[in-house]
């Protein structure tokens, strides 16, 4: 299968879906991105990225049961597919390979 390239934000969203393991939904993902990266994002950005990742076959979604906390509304829960997991491993391998050839004086670079 031809490798699909992800933008930086899509990669972060895909990683967060993997981290949350079956508890990933829009607001939860938005909060986790802030907690893990310090990056504030809008919910519509998260939803757009989730839609693209689902179209690419890297995540799937299903509706949860209604909850009283949400006034009886359901959540769309996302989980990573085998293809999404393979893509993350490929990205990790490419980055590790690149870091292994970065000169040591640049690895200790501080801003």
PDB file of N, CA and C in Angstrom:
ATOM      1  N   UNK A   1       0.844  -1.185   0.000  1.00  0.00           N
ATOM      2  CA  UNK A   1       0.000   0.000   0.000  1.00  0.00           C
ATOM      3  C   UNK A   1       0.885   1.242   0.000  1.00  0.00           C
ATOM      4  N   UNK A   2       0.501   2.223  -0.767  1.00  0.00           N
ATOM      5  CA  UNK A   2       1.250   3.466  -0.848  1.00  0.00           C
ATOM      6  C   UNK A   2       1.155   4.212   0.479  1.00  0.00           C
ATOM      7  N   UNK A   3       2.294   4.715   0.917  1.00  0.00           N
ATOM      8  CA  UNK A   3       2.339   5.433   2.182  1.00  0.00           C
ATOM      9  C   UNK A   3       1.628   6.775   2.040  1.00  0.00           C
ATOM     10  N   UNK A   4       0.835   7.105   3.044  1.00  0.00           N
ATOM     11  CA  UNK A   4       0.156   8.397   3.087  1.00  0.00           C
ATOM     12  C   UNK A   4       0.913   9.285   4.055  1.00  0.00           C
ATOM     13  N   UNK A   5       1.181  10.494   3.650  1.00  0.00           N
ATOM     14  CA  UNK A   5       1.890  11.422   4.497  1.00  0.00           C
ATOM     15  C   UNK A   5       0.895  12.265   5.285  1.00  0.00           C
ATOM     16  N   UNK A   6       1.249  12.528   6.520  1.00  0.00           N
ATOM     17  CA  UNK A   6       0.384  13.311   7.390  1.00  0.00           C
ATOM     18  C   UNK A   6       1.024  14.653   7.680  1.00  0.00           C
ATOM     19  N   UNK A   7       0.187  15.658   7.835  1.00  0.00           N
ATOM     20  CA  UNK A   7       0.662  16.939   8.323  1.00  0.00           C
ATOM     21  C   UNK A   7       0.960  16.811   9.807  1.00  0.00           C
ATOM     22  N   UNK A   8       1.659  17.785  10.344  1.00  0.00           N
ATOM     23  CA  UNK A   8       2.066  17.745  11.740  1.00  0.00           C
ATOM     24  C   UNK A   8       0.867  17.676  12.682  1.00  0.00           C
ATOM     25  N   UNK A   9      -0.172  18.449  12.399  1.00  0.00           N
ATOM     26  CA  UNK A   9      -1.333  18.442  13.290  1.00  0.00           C
ATOM     27  C   UNK A   9      -2.094  17.123  13.197  1.00  0.00           C
ATOM     28  N   UNK A  10      -2.222  16.581  11.987  1.00  0.00           N
ATOM     29  CA  UNK A  10      -2.882  15.280  11.846  1.00  0.00           C
ATOM     30  C   UNK A  10      -2.107  14.205  12.603  1.00  0.00           C
ATOM     31  N   UNK A  11      -0.800  14.269  12.553  1.00  0.00           N
ATOM     32  CA  UNK A  11       0.015  13.292  13.288  1.00  0.00           C
ATOM     33  C   UNK A  11      -0.248  13.403  14.788  1.00  0.00           C
ATOM     34  N   UNK A  12      -0.311  14.618  15.304  1.00  0.00           N
ATOM     35  CA  UNK A  12      -0.587  14.816  16.735  1.00  0.00           C
ATOM     36  C   UNK A  12      -1.969  14.268  17.090  1.00  0.00           C
ATOM     37  N   UNK A  13      -2.958  14.564  16.276  1.00  0.00           N
ATOM     38  CA  UNK A  13      -4.315  14.074  16.561  1.00  0.00           C
ATOM     39  C   UNK A  13      -4.346  12.548  16.520  1.00  0.00           C
ATOM     40  N   UNK A  14      -3.675  11.954  15.537  1.00  0.00           N
ATOM     41  CA  UNK A  14      -3.634  10.490  15.448  1.00  0.00           C
ATOM     42  C   UNK A  14      -2.942   9.896  16.673  1.00  0.00           C
ATOM     43  N   UNK A  15      -1.856  10.516  17.114  1.00  0.00           N
ATOM     44  CA  UNK A  15      -1.166  10.042  18.323  1.00  0.00           C
ATOM     45  C   UNK A  15      -2.068  10.155  19.546  1.00  0.00           C
ATOM     46  N   UNK A  16      -2.792  11.238  19.655  1.00  0.00           N
ATOM     47  CA  UNK A  16      -3.678  11.429  20.807  1.00  0.00           C
ATOM     48  C   UNK A  16      -4.811  10.398  20.786  1.00  0.00           C
ATOM     49  N   UNK A  17      -5.355  10.106  19.624  1.00  0.00           N
ATOM     50  CA  UNK A  17      -6.385   9.060  19.530  1.00  0.00           C
ATOM     51  C   UNK A  17      -5.801   7.736  20.024  1.00  0.00           C
ATOM     52  N   UNK A  18      -4.557   7.452  19.656  1.00  0.00           N
ATOM     53  CA  UNK A  18      -3.904   6.224  20.125  1.00  0.00           C
ATOM     54  C   UNK A  18      -3.698   6.262  21.634  1.00  0.00           C
ATOM     55  N   UNK A  19      -3.290   7.401  22.165  1.00  0.00           N
ATOM     56  CA  UNK A  19      -3.037   7.543  23.603  1.00  0.00           C
ATOM     57  C   UNK A  19      -4.325   7.328  24.403  1.00  0.00           C
ATOM     58  N   UNK A  20      -5.429   7.861  23.921  1.00  0.00           N
ATOM     59  CA  UNK A  20      -6.689   7.806  24.673  1.00  0.00           C
ATOM     60  C   UNK A  20      -7.388   6.450  24.579  1.00  0.00           C
ATOM     61  N   UNK A  21      -6.955   5.573  23.703  1.00  0.00           N
ATOM     62  CA  UNK A  21      -7.401   4.180  23.617  1.00  0.00           C
ATOM     63  C   UNK A  21      -8.900   3.972  23.838  1.00  0.00           C
ATOM     64  N   UNK A  22      -9.693   4.377  22.886  1.00  0.00           N
ATOM     65  CA  UNK A  22     -11.124   4.124  22.942  1.00  0.00           C
ATOM     66  C   UNK A  22     -11.913   5.165  23.713  1.00  0.00           C
ATOM     67  N   UNK A  23     -11.255   6.149  24.284  1.00  0.00           N
ATOM     68  CA  UNK A  23     -11.946   7.232  25.004  1.00  0.00           C
ATOM     69  C   UNK A  23     -11.731   8.565  24.289  1.00  0.00           C
ATOM     70  N   UNK A  24     -11.409   8.500  23.001  1.00  0.00           N
ATOM     71  CA  UNK A  24     -11.088   9.714  22.252  1.00  0.00           C
ATOM     72  C   UNK A  24     -12.337  10.293  21.593  1.00  0.00           C
ATOM     73  N   UNK A  25     -12.691  11.484  21.977  1.00  0.00           N
ATOM     74  CA  UNK A  25     -13.751  12.231  21.312  1.00  0.00           C
ATOM     75  C   UNK A  25     -13.297  13.686  21.244  1.00  0.00           C
ATOM     76  N   UNK A  26     -13.964  14.497  20.459  1.00  0.00           N
ATOM     77  CA  UNK A  26     -13.499  15.830  20.121  1.00  0.00           C
ATOM     78  C   UNK A  26     -12.955  16.655  21.266  1.00  0.00           C
ATOM     79  N   UNK A  27     -13.779  16.911  22.273  1.00  0.00           N
ATOM     80  CA  UNK A  27     -13.361  17.770  23.386  1.00  0.00           C
ATOM     81  C   UNK A  27     -12.214  17.133  24.165  1.00  0.00           C
ATOM     82  N   UNK A  28     -12.303  15.834  24.377  1.00  0.00           N
ATOM     83  CA  UNK A  28     -11.257  15.115  25.096  1.00  0.00           C
ATOM     84  C   UNK A  28      -9.919  15.215  24.353  1.00  0.00           C
ATOM     85  N   UNK A  29      -9.955  15.073  23.046  1.00  0.00           N
ATOM     86  CA  UNK A  29      -8.740  15.183  22.230  1.00  0.00           C
ATOM     87  C   UNK A  29      -8.180  16.601  22.329  1.00  0.00           C
ATOM     88  N   UNK A  30      -9.056  17.593  22.242  1.00  0.00           N
ATOM     89  CA  UNK A  30      -8.627  18.993  22.333  1.00  0.00           C
ATOM     90  C   UNK A  30      -7.901  19.246  23.661  1.00  0.00           C
ATOM     91  N   UNK A  31      -8.445  18.767  24.761  1.00  0.00           N
ATOM     92  CA  UNK A  31      -7.822  18.943  26.074  1.00  0.00           C
ATOM     93  C   UNK A  31      -6.497  18.178  26.183  1.00  0.00           C
ATOM     94  N   UNK A  32      -6.464  16.987  25.628  1.00  0.00           N
ATOM     95  CA  UNK A  32      -5.239  16.180  25.687  1.00  0.00           C
ATOM     96  C   UNK A  32      -4.114  16.828  24.886  1.00  0.00           C
ATOM     97  N   UNK A  33      -4.450  17.430  23.749  1.00  0.00           N
ATOM     98  CA  UNK A  33      -3.427  18.140  22.971  1.00  0.00           C
ATOM     99  C   UNK A  33      -2.849  19.274  23.806  1.00  0.00           C
ATOM    100  N   UNK A  34      -3.693  20.008  24.489  1.00  0.00           N
ATOM    101  CA  UNK A  34      -3.213  21.093  25.343  1.00  0.00           C
ATOM    102  C   UNK A  34      -2.335  20.554  26.471  1.00  0.00           C
ATOM    103  N   UNK A  35      -2.786  19.475  27.115  1.00  0.00           N
ATOM    104  CA  UNK A  35      -2.014  18.895  28.227  1.00  0.00           C
ATOM    105  C   UNK A  35      -0.664  18.358  27.771  1.00  0.00           C
ATOM    106  N   UNK A  36      -0.649  17.686  26.640  1.00  0.00           N
ATOM    107  CA  UNK A  36       0.575  17.014  26.190  1.00  0.00           C
ATOM    108  C   UNK A  36       1.543  17.939  25.468  1.00  0.00           C
ATOM    109  N   UNK A  37       1.017  18.968  24.788  1.00  0.00           N
ATOM    110  CA  UNK A  37       1.893  19.795  23.960  1.00  0.00           C
ATOM    111  C   UNK A  37       1.919  21.261  24.387  1.00  0.00           C
ATOM    112  N   UNK A  38       0.961  21.679  25.211  1.00  0.00           N
ATOM    113  CA  UNK A  38       0.856  23.087  25.566  1.00  0.00           C
ATOM    114  C   UNK A  38       0.262  23.928  24.450  1.00  0.00           C
ATOM    115  N   UNK A  39      -0.220  23.271  23.443  1.00  0.00           N
ATOM    116  CA  UNK A  39      -0.746  23.932  22.250  1.00  0.00           C
ATOM    117  C   UNK A  39      -2.267  24.046  22.361  1.00  0.00           C
ATOM    118  N   UNK A  40      -2.770  25.258  22.306  1.00  0.00           N
ATOM    119  CA  UNK A  40      -4.206  25.482  22.363  1.00  0.00           C
ATOM    120  C   UNK A  40      -4.786  25.362  20.953  1.00  0.00           C
ATOM    121  N   UNK A  41      -5.792  24.524  20.809  1.00  0.00           N
ATOM    122  CA  UNK A  41      -6.413  24.332  19.503  1.00  0.00           C
ATOM    123  C   UNK A  41      -7.916  24.500  19.636  1.00  0.00           C
ATOM    124  N   UNK A  42      -8.565  24.780  18.523  1.00  0.00           N
ATOM    125  CA  UNK A  42     -10.018  24.929  18.520  1.00  0.00           C
ATOM    126  C   UNK A  42     -10.665  23.588  18.171  1.00  0.00           C
ATOM    127  N   UNK A  43     -11.871  23.403  18.659  1.00  0.00           N
ATOM    128  CA  UNK A  43     -12.578  22.147  18.434  1.00  0.00           C
ATOM    129  C   UNK A  43     -12.809  21.888  16.946  1.00  0.00           C
ATOM    130  N   UNK A  44     -13.087  22.942  16.180  1.00  0.00           N
ATOM    131  CA  UNK A  44     -13.322  22.712  14.748  1.00  0.00           C
ATOM    132  C   UNK A  44     -12.057  22.228  14.043  1.00  0.00           C
ATOM    133  N   UNK A  45     -10.875  22.621  14.521  1.00  0.00           N
ATOM    134  CA  UNK A  45      -9.624  22.109  13.958  1.00  0.00           C
ATOM    135  C   UNK A  45      -9.492  20.608  14.233  1.00  0.00           C
ATOM    136  N   UNK A  46      -9.841  20.219  15.453  1.00  0.00           N
ATOM    137  CA  UNK A  46      -9.769  18.803  15.818  1.00  0.00           C
ATOM    138  C   UNK A  46     -10.747  17.994  14.978  1.00  0.00           C
ATOM    139  N   UNK A  47     -11.970  18.485  14.838  1.00  0.00           N
ATOM    140  CA  UNK A  47     -12.971  17.755  14.061  1.00  0.00           C
ATOM    141  C   UNK A  47     -12.569  17.636  12.599  1.00  0.00           C
ATOM    142  N   UNK A  48     -12.004  18.696  12.025  1.00  0.00           N
ATOM    143  CA  UNK A  48     -11.575  18.635  10.625  1.00  0.00           C
ATOM    144  C   UNK A  48     -10.478  17.591  10.453  1.00  0.00           C
ATOM    145  N   UNK A  49      -9.551  17.554  11.389  1.00  0.00           N
ATOM    146  CA  UNK A  49      -8.465  16.585  11.316  1.00  0.00           C
ATOM    147  C   UNK A  49      -8.993  15.161  11.493  1.00  0.00           C
ATOM    148  N   UNK A  50      -9.921  14.986  12.430  1.00  0.00           N
ATOM    149  CA  UNK A  50     -10.514  13.659  12.640  1.00  0.00           C
ATOM    150  C   UNK A  50     -11.225  13.180  11.373  1.00  0.00           C
ATOM    151  N   UNK A  51     -11.917  14.084  10.709  1.00  0.00           N
ATOM    152  CA  UNK A  51     -12.622  13.708   9.481  1.00  0.00           C
ATOM    153  C   UNK A  51     -11.625  13.270   8.401  1.00  0.00           C
ATOM    154  N   UNK A  52     -10.529  14.010   8.248  1.00  0.00           N
ATOM    155  CA  UNK A  52      -9.516  13.643   7.252  1.00  0.00           C
ATOM    156  C   UNK A  52      -8.885  12.290   7.590  1.00  0.00           C
ATOM    157  N   UNK A  53      -8.570  12.079   8.870  1.00  0.00           N
ATOM    158  CA  UNK A  53      -7.960  10.808   9.271  1.00  0.00           C
ATOM    159  C   UNK A  53      -8.916   9.636   9.061  1.00  0.00           C
ATOM    160  N   UNK A  54     -10.195   9.875   9.282  1.00  0.00           N
ATOM    161  CA  UNK A  54     -11.174   8.807   9.062  1.00  0.00           C
ATOM    162  C   UNK A  54     -11.318   8.521   7.571  1.00  0.00           C
ATOM    163  N   UNK A  55     -11.289   9.563   6.746  1.00  0.00           N
ATOM    164  CA  UNK A  55     -11.357   9.359   5.289  1.00  0.00           C
ATOM    165  C   UNK A  55     -10.144   8.596   4.773  1.00  0.00           C
ATOM    166  N   UNK A  56      -9.000   8.783   5.419  1.00  0.00           N
ATOM    167  CA  UNK A  56      -7.777   8.078   5.026  1.00  0.00           C
ATOM    168  C   UNK A  56      -7.726   6.656   5.575  1.00  0.00           C
ATOM    169  N   UNK A  57      -8.686   6.297   6.435  1.00  0.00           N
ATOM    170  CA  UNK A  57      -8.730   4.946   6.984  1.00  0.00           C
ATOM    171  C   UNK A  57      -7.826   4.728   8.181  1.00  0.00           C
ATOM    172  N   UNK A  58      -7.362   5.791   8.801  1.00  0.00           N
ATOM    173  CA  UNK A  58      -6.453   5.658   9.940  1.00  0.00           C
ATOM    174  C   UNK A  58      -7.172   5.604  11.278  1.00  0.00           C
ATOM    175  N   UNK A  59      -8.409   6.046  11.303  1.00  0.00           N
ATOM    176  CA  UNK A  59      -9.228   5.950  12.506  1.00  0.00           C
ATOM    177  C   UNK A  59     -10.639   5.533  12.091  1.00  0.00           C
ATOM    178  N   UNK A  60     -11.382   5.019  13.033  1.00  0.00           N
ATOM    179  CA  UNK A  60     -12.802   4.719  12.837  1.00  0.00           C
ATOM    180  C   UNK A  60     -13.558   5.361  13.993  1.00  0.00           C
ATOM    181  N   UNK A  61     -14.847   5.547  13.805  1.00  0.00           N
ATOM    182  CA  UNK A  61     -15.635   6.143  14.877  1.00  0.00           C
ATOM    183  C   UNK A  61     -16.928   5.377  15.074  1.00  0.00           C
ATOM    184  N   UNK A  62     -17.464   5.526  16.266  1.00  0.00           N
ATOM    185  CA  UNK A  62     -18.776   4.966  16.581  1.00  0.00           C
ATOM    186  C   UNK A  62     -19.416   5.882  17.609  1.00  0.00           C
ATOM    187  N   UNK A  63     -20.721   5.841  17.669  1.00  0.00           N
ATOM    188  CA  UNK A  63     -21.450   6.667  18.626  1.00  0.00           C
ATOM    189  C   UNK A  63     -21.536   5.934  19.963  1.00  0.00           C
ATOM    190  N   UNK A  64     -21.310   6.674  21.044  1.00  0.00           N
ATOM    191  CA  UNK A  64     -21.412   6.098  22.383  1.00  0.00           C
ATOM    192  C   UNK A  64     -22.871   6.044  22.810  1.00  0.00           C
ATOM    193  N   UNK A  65     -23.097   5.450  23.951  1.00  0.00           N
ATOM    194  CA  UNK A  65     -24.426   5.499  24.551  1.00  0.00           C
ATOM    195  C   UNK A  65     -24.675   6.905  25.085  1.00  0.00           C
ATOM    196  N   UNK A  66     -25.936   7.319  25.169  1.00  0.00           N
ATOM    197  CA  UNK A  66     -26.233   8.638  25.737  1.00  0.00           C
ATOM    198  C   UNK A  66     -25.797   8.703  27.203  1.00  0.00           C
ATOM    199  N   UNK A  67     -25.347   9.877  27.627  1.00  0.00           N
ATOM    200  CA  UNK A  67     -24.913  10.040  29.016  1.00  0.00           C
ATOM    201  C   UNK A  67     -25.693  11.188  29.660  1.00  0.00           C
ATOM    202  N   UNK A  68     -26.030  11.043  30.949  1.00  0.00           N
ATOM    203  CA  UNK A  68     -26.757  12.115  31.629  1.00  0.00           C
ATOM    204  C   UNK A  68     -25.940  13.409  31.709  1.00  0.00           C
ATOM    205  N   UNK A  69     -24.593  13.282  31.787  1.00  0.00           N
ATOM    206  CA  UNK A  69     -23.744  14.475  31.869  1.00  0.00           C
ATOM    207  C   UNK A  69     -23.879  15.355  30.634  1.00  0.00           C
ATOM    208  N   UNK A  70     -24.206  14.753  29.537  1.00  0.00           N
ATOM    209  CA  UNK A  70     -24.319  15.488  28.275  1.00  0.00           C
ATOM    210  C   UNK A  70     -25.787  15.707  27.901  1.00  0.00           C
ATOM    211  N   UNK A  71     -26.674  15.629  28.883  1.00  0.00           N
ATOM    212  CA  UNK A  71     -28.096  15.855  28.627  1.00  0.00           C
ATOM    213  C   UNK A  71     -28.696  14.811  27.704  1.00  0.00           C
ATOM    214  N   UNK A  72     -28.182  13.596  27.797  1.00  0.00           N
ATOM    215  CA  UNK A  72     -28.709  12.516  26.977  1.00  0.00           C
ATOM    216  C   UNK A  72     -28.097  12.436  25.584  1.00  0.00           C
ATOM    217  N   UNK A  73     -27.165  13.326  25.294  1.00  0.00           N
ATOM    218  CA  UNK A  73     -26.520  13.273  23.968  1.00  0.00           C
ATOM    219  C   UNK A  73     -25.420  12.220  23.960  1.00  0.00           C
ATOM    220  N   UNK A  74     -25.127  11.751  22.766  1.00  0.00           N
ATOM    221  CA  UNK A  74     -24.078  10.749  22.605  1.00  0.00           C
ATOM    222  C   UNK A  74     -22.806  11.413  22.104  1.00  0.00           C
ATOM    223  N   UNK A  75     -21.670  10.721  22.271  1.00  0.00           N
ATOM    224  CA  UNK A  75     -20.375  11.212  21.792  1.00  0.00           C
ATOM    225  C   UNK A  75     -19.939  10.338  20.623  1.00  0.00           C
ATOM    226  N   UNK A  76     -19.203  10.943  19.696  1.00  0.00           N
ATOM    227  CA  UNK A  76     -18.564  10.155  18.638  1.00  0.00           C
ATOM    228  C   UNK A  76     -17.182   9.778  19.142  1.00  0.00           C
ATOM    229  N   UNK A  77     -16.971   8.495  19.365  1.00  0.00           N
ATOM    230  CA  UNK A  77     -15.726   7.973  19.910  1.00  0.00           C
ATOM    231  C   UNK A  77     -14.840   7.467  18.763  1.00  0.00           C
ATOM    232  N   UNK A  78     -13.578   7.866  18.789  1.00  0.00           N
ATOM    233  CA  UNK A  78     -12.640   7.487  17.734  1.00  0.00           C
ATOM    234  C   UNK A  78     -11.619   6.487  18.259  1.00  0.00           C
ATOM    235  N   UNK A  79     -11.233   5.572  17.391  1.00  0.00           N
ATOM    236  CA  UNK A  79     -10.150   4.644  17.729  1.00  0.00           C
ATOM    237  C   UNK A  79      -9.271   4.448  16.501  1.00  0.00           C
ATOM    238  N   UNK A  80      -8.043   4.103  16.769  1.00  0.00           N
ATOM    239  CA  UNK A  80      -7.055   3.972  15.699  1.00  0.00           C
ATOM    240  C   UNK A  80      -7.213   2.613  15.019  1.00  0.00           C
ATOM    241  N   UNK A  81      -6.987   2.572  13.709  1.00  0.00           N
ATOM    242  CA  UNK A  81      -7.036   1.326  12.945  1.00  0.00           C
ATOM    243  C   UNK A  81      -5.627   0.741  12.846  1.00  0.00           C
ATOM    244  N   UNK A  82      -5.542  -0.472  12.331  1.00  0.00           N
ATOM    245  CA  UNK A  82      -4.232  -1.091  12.114  1.00  0.00           C
ATOM    246  C   UNK A  82      -3.421  -0.244  11.135  1.00  0.00           C
ATOM    247  N   UNK A  83      -4.071   0.294  10.126  1.00  0.00           N
ATOM    248  CA  UNK A  83      -3.379   1.154   9.159  1.00  0.00           C
ATOM    249  C   UNK A  83      -2.861   2.429   9.835  1.00  0.00           C
ATOM    250  N   UNK A  84      -3.649   3.016  10.704  1.00  0.00           N
ATOM    251  CA  UNK A  84      -3.195   4.196  11.433  1.00  0.00           C
ATOM    252  C   UNK A  84      -2.012   3.876  12.330  1.00  0.00           C
ATOM    253  N   UNK A  85      -2.063   2.736  12.983  1.00  0.00           N
ATOM    254  CA  UNK A  85      -0.968   2.316  13.855  1.00  0.00           C
ATOM    255  C   UNK A  85       0.303   2.081  13.045  1.00  0.00           C
ATOM    256  N   UNK A  86       0.177   1.441  11.895  1.00  0.00           N
ATOM    257  CA  UNK A  86       1.328   1.215  11.016  1.00  0.00           C
ATOM    258  C   UNK A  86       1.907   2.541  10.546  1.00  0.00           C
ATOM    259  N   UNK A  87       1.040   3.470  10.214  1.00  0.00           N
ATOM    260  CA  UNK A  87       1.505   4.787   9.774  1.00  0.00           C
ATOM    261  C   UNK A  87       2.295   5.487  10.873  1.00  0.00           C
ATOM    262  N   UNK A  88       1.810   5.421  12.112  1.00  0.00           N
ATOM    263  CA  UNK A  88       2.548   6.042  13.224  1.00  0.00           C
ATOM    264  C   UNK A  88       3.914   5.393  13.417  1.00  0.00           C
ATOM    265  N   UNK A  89       3.978   4.075  13.304  1.00  0.00           N
ATOM    266  CA  UNK A  89       5.279   3.388  13.438  1.00  0.00           C
ATOM    267  C   UNK A  89       6.224   3.801  12.314  1.00  0.00           C
ATOM    268  N   UNK A  90       5.689   3.928  11.095  1.00  0.00           N
ATOM    269  CA  UNK A  90       6.520   4.374   9.963  1.00  0.00           C
ATOM    270  C   UNK A  90       7.069   5.778  10.220  1.00  0.00           C
ATOM    271  N   UNK A  91       6.224   6.664  10.697  1.00  0.00           N
ATOM    272  CA  UNK A  91       6.658   8.038  10.994  1.00  0.00           C
ATOM    273  C   UNK A  91       7.734   8.026  12.078  1.00  0.00           C
ATOM    274  N   UNK A  92       7.511   7.227  13.120  1.00  0.00           N
ATOM    275  CA  UNK A  92       8.490   7.139  14.201  1.00  0.00           C
ATOM    276  C   UNK A  92       9.836   6.634  13.679  1.00  0.00           C
ATOM    277  N   UNK A  93       9.799   5.641  12.801  1.00  0.00           N
ATOM    278  CA  UNK A  93      11.030   5.076  12.256  1.00  0.00           C
ATOM    279  C   UNK A  93      11.772   6.106  11.401  1.00  0.00           C
ATOM    280  N   UNK A  94      11.053   6.839  10.569  1.00  0.00           N
ATOM    281  CA  UNK A  94      11.680   7.863   9.737  1.00  0.00           C
ATOM    282  C   UNK A  94      12.333   8.921  10.611  1.00  0.00           C
ATOM    283  N   UNK A  95      11.639   9.357  11.638  1.00  0.00           N
ATOM    284  CA  UNK A  95      12.196  10.386  12.525  1.00  0.00           C
ATOM    285  C   UNK A  95      13.411   9.864  13.288  1.00  0.00           C
ATOM    286  N   UNK A  96      13.341   8.620  13.767  1.00  0.00           N
ATOM    287  CA  UNK A  96      14.481   8.039  14.490  1.00  0.00           C
ATOM    288  C   UNK A  96      15.693   7.917  13.573  1.00  0.00           C
ATOM    289  N   UNK A  97      15.460   7.527  12.322  1.00  0.00           N
ATOM    290  CA  UNK A  97      16.558   7.414  11.362  1.00  0.00           C
ATOM    291  C   UNK A  97      17.188   8.780  11.111  1.00  0.00           C
ATOM    292  N   UNK A  98      16.352   9.777  10.928  1.00  0.00           N
ATOM    293  CA  UNK A  98      16.879  11.126  10.698  1.00  0.00           C
ATOM    294  C   UNK A  98      17.654  11.638  11.912  1.00  0.00           C
ATOM    295  N   UNK A  99      17.124  11.409  13.129  1.00  0.00           N
ATOM    296  CA  UNK A  99      17.819  11.858  14.337  1.00  0.00           C
ATOM    297  C   UNK A  99      19.147  11.141  14.507  1.00  0.00           C
ATOM    298  N   UNK A 100      19.224   9.903  14.034  1.00  0.00           N
ATOM    299  CA  UNK A 100      20.472   9.157  14.200  1.00  0.00           C
ATOM    300  C   UNK A 100      21.593   9.711  13.335  1.00  0.00           C
ATOM    301  N   UNK A 101      21.270  10.446  12.288  1.00  0.00           N
ATOM    302  CA  UNK A 101      22.314  10.999  11.419  1.00  0.00           C
ATOM    303  C   UNK A 101      22.540  12.492  11.636  1.00  0.00           C
ATOM    304  N   UNK A 102      21.789  13.098  12.553  1.00  0.00           N
ATOM    305  CA  UNK A 102      22.019  14.508  12.882  1.00  0.00           C
ATOM    306  C   UNK A 102      23.352  14.603  13.617  1.00  0.00           C
ATOM    307  N   UNK A 103      24.233  15.527  13.220  1.00  0.00           N
ATOM    308  CA  UNK A 103      25.516  15.673  13.906  1.00  0.00           C
ATOM    309  C   UNK A 103      25.315  15.913  15.408  1.00  0.00           C
ATOM    310  N   UNK A 104      26.202  15.325  16.205  1.00  0.00           N
ATOM    311  CA  UNK A 104      26.044  15.379  17.661  1.00  0.00           C
ATOM    312  C   UNK A 104      26.044  16.808  18.200  1.00  0.00           C
ATOM    313  N   UNK A 105      26.772  17.716  17.547  1.00  0.00           N
ATOM    314  CA  UNK A 105      26.788  19.095  18.053  1.00  0.00           C
ATOM    315  C   UNK A 105      25.415  19.756  17.903  1.00  0.00           C
ATOM    316  N   UNK A 106      24.612  19.310  16.957  1.00  0.00           N
ATOM    317  CA  UNK A 106      23.265  19.865  16.791  1.00  0.00           C
ATOM    318  C   UNK A 106      22.251  19.200  17.717  1.00  0.00           C
ATOM    319  N   UNK A 107      22.549  17.966  18.148  1.00  0.00           N
ATOM    320  CA  UNK A 107      21.617  17.276  19.053  1.00  0.00           C
ATOM    321  C   UNK A 107      21.573  17.938  20.418  1.00  0.00           C
ATOM    322  N   UNK A 108      22.649  18.581  20.789  1.00  0.00           N
ATOM    323  CA  UNK A 108      22.667  19.245  22.099  1.00  0.00           C
ATOM    324  C   UNK A 108      22.324  20.723  21.980  1.00  0.00           C
ATOM    325  N   UNK A 109      21.769  21.104  20.833  1.00  0.00           N
ATOM    326  CA  UNK A 109      21.387  22.486  20.582  1.00  0.00           C
ATOM    327  C   UNK A 109      20.354  22.950  21.602  1.00  0.00           C
ATOM    328  N   UNK A 110      20.576  24.121  22.171  1.00  0.00           N
ATOM    329  CA  UNK A 110      19.578  24.732  23.047  1.00  0.00           C
ATOM    330  C   UNK A 110      19.257  26.110  22.500  1.00  0.00           C
ATOM    331  N   UNK A 111      18.010  26.446  22.546  1.00  0.00           N
ATOM    332  CA  UNK A 111      17.569  27.726  21.998  1.00  0.00           C
ATOM    333  C   UNK A 111      17.867  28.849  22.942  1.00  0.00           C
TER     334      UNK A 111
END
